[in-house]
Amino acid sequence: MLYPNPFNYPDTGRTTQEYNHRKKRNEVFGQNRHHATVLETGEYLERCMVYIDLNMGRTGMINHPAQWKWSGYNEIQKPRRKNILIDYEALRELSGFESFEMFQSAHKKWINDSLANDGGKRKSHWT
């Protein structure tokens, strides 16, 4: 069974079919692997955002999250006016910043610091 590709990522359907065929599975790719987790505010939330923003870089497809059209990085650095995905005010408040602009500046620095310090490499404690 081919599942719809809600994100329009290239070849996701074919990859899912091939994987399921090899593993003799009949479910959504990655099903049961991902689950919701309650996040703390402050530094833990910030580290989670940075790690997630750097995910596509770890695949080798991009060098910086700004290059990935669907990244959370772009949602934060270039907020949309329509079809808004993030509650920017809540994010600012949870992170403890006085303004969203201050949060944006800090977020950009966290990403750049992570790339400069460890190249955004995978960290085993996150997976």
C-alpha atoms as a PDB file:
ATOM      1  CA  MET A   1       0.000   0.000   0.000  1.00  0.00           C
ATOM      2  CA  LEU A   2       1.355   3.430  -0.932  1.00  0.00           C
ATOM      3  CA  TYR A   3       0.829   6.105   1.703  1.00  0.00           C
ATOM      4  CA  PRO A   4       0.366   9.762   0.772  1.00  0.00           C
ATOM      5  CA  ASN A   5       3.344  12.067   1.067  1.00  0.00           C
ATOM      6  CA  PRO A   6       2.068  15.129   2.997  1.00  0.00           C
ATOM      7  CA  PHE A   7       5.417  16.914   2.873  1.00  0.00           C
ATOM      8  CA  ASN A   8       6.135  16.513  -0.847  1.00  0.00           C
ATOM      9  CA  TYR A   9       9.571  15.091  -0.057  1.00  0.00           C
ATOM     10  CA  PRO A  10      11.084  13.375  -3.093  1.00  0.00           C
ATOM     11  CA  ASP A  11      10.727   9.589  -3.357  1.00  0.00           C
ATOM     12  CA  THR A  12       9.201   9.134   0.103  1.00  0.00           C
ATOM     13  CA  GLY A  13       6.473   6.820  -1.200  1.00  0.00           C
ATOM     14  CA  ARG A  14       8.866   4.663  -3.189  1.00  0.00           C
ATOM     15  CA  THR A  15      11.322   4.511  -0.269  1.00  0.00           C
ATOM     16  CA  THR A  16       8.517   3.400   2.035  1.00  0.00           C
ATOM     17  CA  GLN A  17       7.361   0.724  -0.397  1.00  0.00           C
ATOM     18  CA  GLU A  18      10.873  -0.643  -0.895  1.00  0.00           C
ATOM     19  CA  TYR A  19      11.602  -0.676   2.829  1.00  0.00           C
ATOM     20  CA  ASN A  20       8.311  -2.389   3.660  1.00  0.00           C
ATOM     21  CA  HIS A  21       8.885  -4.962   0.915  1.00  0.00           C
ATOM     22  CA  ARG A  22      12.408  -5.768   2.184  1.00  0.00           C
ATOM     23  CA  LYS A  23      11.243  -6.019   5.811  1.00  0.00           C
ATOM     24  CA  LYS A  24       7.959  -7.739   4.909  1.00  0.00           C
ATOM     25  CA  ARG A  25       6.046  -4.978   6.679  1.00  0.00           C
ATOM     26  CA  ASN A  26       2.745  -3.326   5.892  1.00  0.00           C
ATOM     27  CA  GLU A  27       2.747  -0.068   7.837  1.00  0.00           C
ATOM     28  CA  VAL A  28       3.785   3.553   7.570  1.00  0.00           C
ATOM     29  CA  PHE A  29       7.560   3.985   7.409  1.00  0.00           C
ATOM     30  CA  GLY A  30       8.811   4.810  10.894  1.00  0.00           C
ATOM     31  CA  GLN A  31       5.480   4.019  12.559  1.00  0.00           C
ATOM     32  CA  ASN A  32       5.943   3.121  16.233  1.00  0.00           C
ATOM     33  CA  ARG A  33       9.366   4.748  16.128  1.00  0.00           C
ATOM     34  CA  HIS A  34       8.294   8.307  16.844  1.00  0.00           C
ATOM     35  CA  HIS A  35       6.235   9.485  19.756  1.00  0.00           C
ATOM     36  CA  ALA A  36       5.226  12.683  21.476  1.00  0.00           C
ATOM     37  CA  THR A  37       7.426  13.919  24.293  1.00  0.00           C
ATOM     38  CA  VAL A  38       6.723  16.699  26.752  1.00  0.00           C
ATOM     39  CA  LEU A  39       9.453  19.316  26.536  1.00  0.00           C
ATOM     40  CA  GLU A  40      10.671  21.490  29.333  1.00  0.00           C
ATOM     41  CA  THR A  41      11.033  25.219  28.827  1.00  0.00           C
ATOM     42  CA  GLY A  42      14.260  27.168  28.681  1.00  0.00           C
ATOM     43  CA  GLU A  43      17.575  25.600  27.804  1.00  0.00           C
ATOM     44  CA  TYR A  44      16.225  22.094  27.133  1.00  0.00           C
ATOM     45  CA  LEU A  45      13.660  23.455  24.660  1.00  0.00           C
ATOM     46  CA  GLU A  46      16.384  25.483  22.958  1.00  0.00           C
ATOM     47  CA  ARG A  47      18.696  22.460  22.620  1.00  0.00           C
ATOM     48  CA  CYS A  48      15.844  20.387  21.164  1.00  0.00           C
ATOM     49  CA  MET A  49      15.046  23.056  18.577  1.00  0.00           C
ATOM     50  CA  VAL A  50      18.682  23.321  17.507  1.00  0.00           C
ATOM     51  CA  TYR A  51      19.062  19.556  17.242  1.00  0.00           C
ATOM     52  CA  ILE A  52      15.901  19.243  15.140  1.00  0.00           C
ATOM     53  CA  ASP A  53      16.844  22.217  12.960  1.00  0.00           C
ATOM     54  CA  LEU A  54      20.147  20.499  12.161  1.00  0.00           C
ATOM     55  CA  ASN A  55      18.574  17.138  11.213  1.00  0.00           C
ATOM     56  CA  MET A  56      18.718  17.631   7.433  1.00  0.00           C
ATOM     57  CA  GLY A  57      22.329  18.769   7.681  1.00  0.00           C
ATOM     58  CA  ARG A  58      23.204  15.457   9.308  1.00  0.00           C
ATOM     59  CA  THR A  59      21.855  13.689   6.217  1.00  0.00           C
ATOM     60  CA  GLY A  60      24.406  15.544   4.098  1.00  0.00           C
ATOM     61  CA  MET A  61      21.696  17.088   1.909  1.00  0.00           C
ATOM     62  CA  ILE A  62      22.371  20.630   3.155  1.00  0.00           C
ATOM     63  CA  ASN A  63      25.095  22.533   5.008  1.00  0.00           C
ATOM     64  CA  HIS A  64      22.859  24.934   6.919  1.00  0.00           C
ATOM     65  CA  PRO A  65      19.188  24.665   7.932  1.00  0.00           C
ATOM     66  CA  ALA A  66      18.415  27.857   5.990  1.00  0.00           C
ATOM     67  CA  GLN A  67      18.923  25.751   2.831  1.00  0.00           C
ATOM     68  CA  TRP A  68      16.013  23.424   3.735  1.00  0.00           C
ATOM     69  CA  LYS A  69      12.751  25.014   2.626  1.00  0.00           C
ATOM     70  CA  TRP A  70      10.649  23.243   5.275  1.00  0.00           C
ATOM     71  CA  SER A  71      12.952  23.782   8.249  1.00  0.00           C
ATOM     72  CA  GLY A  72      11.896  25.167  11.595  1.00  0.00           C
ATOM     73  CA  TYR A  73      14.898  27.435  11.238  1.00  0.00           C
ATOM     74  CA  ASN A  74      13.267  29.250   8.321  1.00  0.00           C
ATOM     75  CA  GLU A  75       9.933  29.387  10.164  1.00  0.00           C
ATOM     76  CA  ILE A  76      11.678  31.218  13.007  1.00  0.00           C
ATOM     77  CA  GLN A  77      14.062  33.406  11.009  1.00  0.00           C
ATOM     78  CA  LYS A  78      11.501  34.384   8.335  1.00  0.00           C
ATOM     79  CA  PRO A  79       8.080  34.218  10.030  1.00  0.00           C
ATOM     80  CA  ARG A  80       5.147  33.683   7.715  1.00  0.00           C
ATOM     81  CA  ARG A  81       2.220  36.047   7.449  1.00  0.00           C
ATOM     82  CA  LYS A  82      -0.131  33.287   6.243  1.00  0.00           C
ATOM     83  CA  ASN A  83      -0.434  29.629   7.240  1.00  0.00           C
ATOM     84  CA  ILE A  84       1.571  30.260  10.402  1.00  0.00           C
ATOM     85  CA  LEU A  85       2.881  27.055  11.948  1.00  0.00           C
ATOM     86  CA  ILE A  86       4.491  28.415  15.122  1.00  0.00           C
ATOM     87  CA  ASP A  87       2.981  30.410  17.966  1.00  0.00           C
ATOM     88  CA  TYR A  88       5.848  32.896  18.013  1.00  0.00           C
ATOM     89  CA  GLU A  89       4.705  34.666  21.160  1.00  0.00           C
ATOM     90  CA  ALA A  90       4.424  31.392  23.089  1.00  0.00           C
ATOM     91  CA  LEU A  91       7.852  30.306  21.833  1.00  0.00           C
ATOM     92  CA  ARG A  92       9.365  33.613  22.951  1.00  0.00           C
ATOM     93  CA  GLU A  93       7.719  33.306  26.347  1.00  0.00           C
ATOM     94  CA  LEU A  94       8.733  29.656  26.865  1.00  0.00           C
ATOM     95  CA  SER A  95      12.311  30.561  25.988  1.00  0.00           C
ATOM     96  CA  GLY A  96      12.346  33.501  28.399  1.00  0.00           C
ATOM     97  CA  PHE A  97      13.106  36.312  25.948  1.00  0.00           C
ATOM     98  CA  GLU A  98      11.731  39.846  26.166  1.00  0.00           C
ATOM     99  CA  SER A  99      11.021  40.050  22.444  1.00  0.00           C
ATOM    100  CA  PHE A 100      10.717  37.668  19.520  1.00  0.00           C
ATOM    101  CA  GLU A 101      13.517  39.542  17.747  1.00  0.00           C
ATOM    102  CA  MET A 102      15.837  38.737  20.672  1.00  0.00           C
ATOM    103  CA  PHE A 103      14.788  35.090  20.433  1.00  0.00           C
ATOM    104  CA  GLN A 104      15.455  35.063  16.660  1.00  0.00           C
ATOM    105  CA  SER A 105      18.926  36.475  17.176  1.00  0.00           C
ATOM    106  CA  ALA A 106      19.723  33.911  19.883  1.00  0.00           C
ATOM    107  CA  HIS A 107      18.313  31.068  17.765  1.00  0.00           C
ATOM    108  CA  LYS A 108      20.527  32.025  14.815  1.00  0.00           C
ATOM    109  CA  LYS A 109      23.546  32.122  17.160  1.00  0.00           C
ATOM    110  CA  TRP A 110      22.713  28.685  18.661  1.00  0.00           C
ATOM    111  CA  ILE A 111      22.579  27.152  15.181  1.00  0.00           C
ATOM    112  CA  ASN A 112      25.791  28.808  14.021  1.00  0.00           C
ATOM    113  CA  ASP A 113      27.600  27.917  17.264  1.00  0.00           C
ATOM    114  CA  SER A 114      26.531  24.285  16.974  1.00  0.00           C
ATOM    115  CA  LEU A 115      27.698  24.110  13.366  1.00  0.00           C
ATOM    116  CA  ALA A 116      31.022  25.761  14.282  1.00  0.00           C
ATOM    117  CA  ASN A 117      31.653  23.610  17.373  1.00  0.00           C
ATOM    118  CA  ASP A 118      30.617  20.124  16.307  1.00  0.00           C
ATOM    119  CA  GLY A 119      29.299  20.470  12.785  1.00  0.00           C
ATOM    120  CA  GLY A 120      25.786  19.680  14.000  1.00  0.00           C
ATOM    121  CA  LYS A 121      26.756  16.014  14.335  1.00  0.00           C
ATOM    122  CA  ARG A 122      24.360  13.422  15.716  1.00  0.00           C
ATOM    123  CA  LYS A 123      24.338  13.121  19.494  1.00  0.00           C
ATOM    124  CA  SER A 124      23.475   9.675  20.801  1.00  0.00           C
ATOM    125  CA  HIS A 125      21.587  10.973  23.839  1.00  0.00           C
ATOM    126  CA  TRP A 126      18.909  12.413  21.514  1.00  0.00           C
ATOM    127  CA  THR A 127      18.141   9.111  19.765  1.00  0.00           C
END
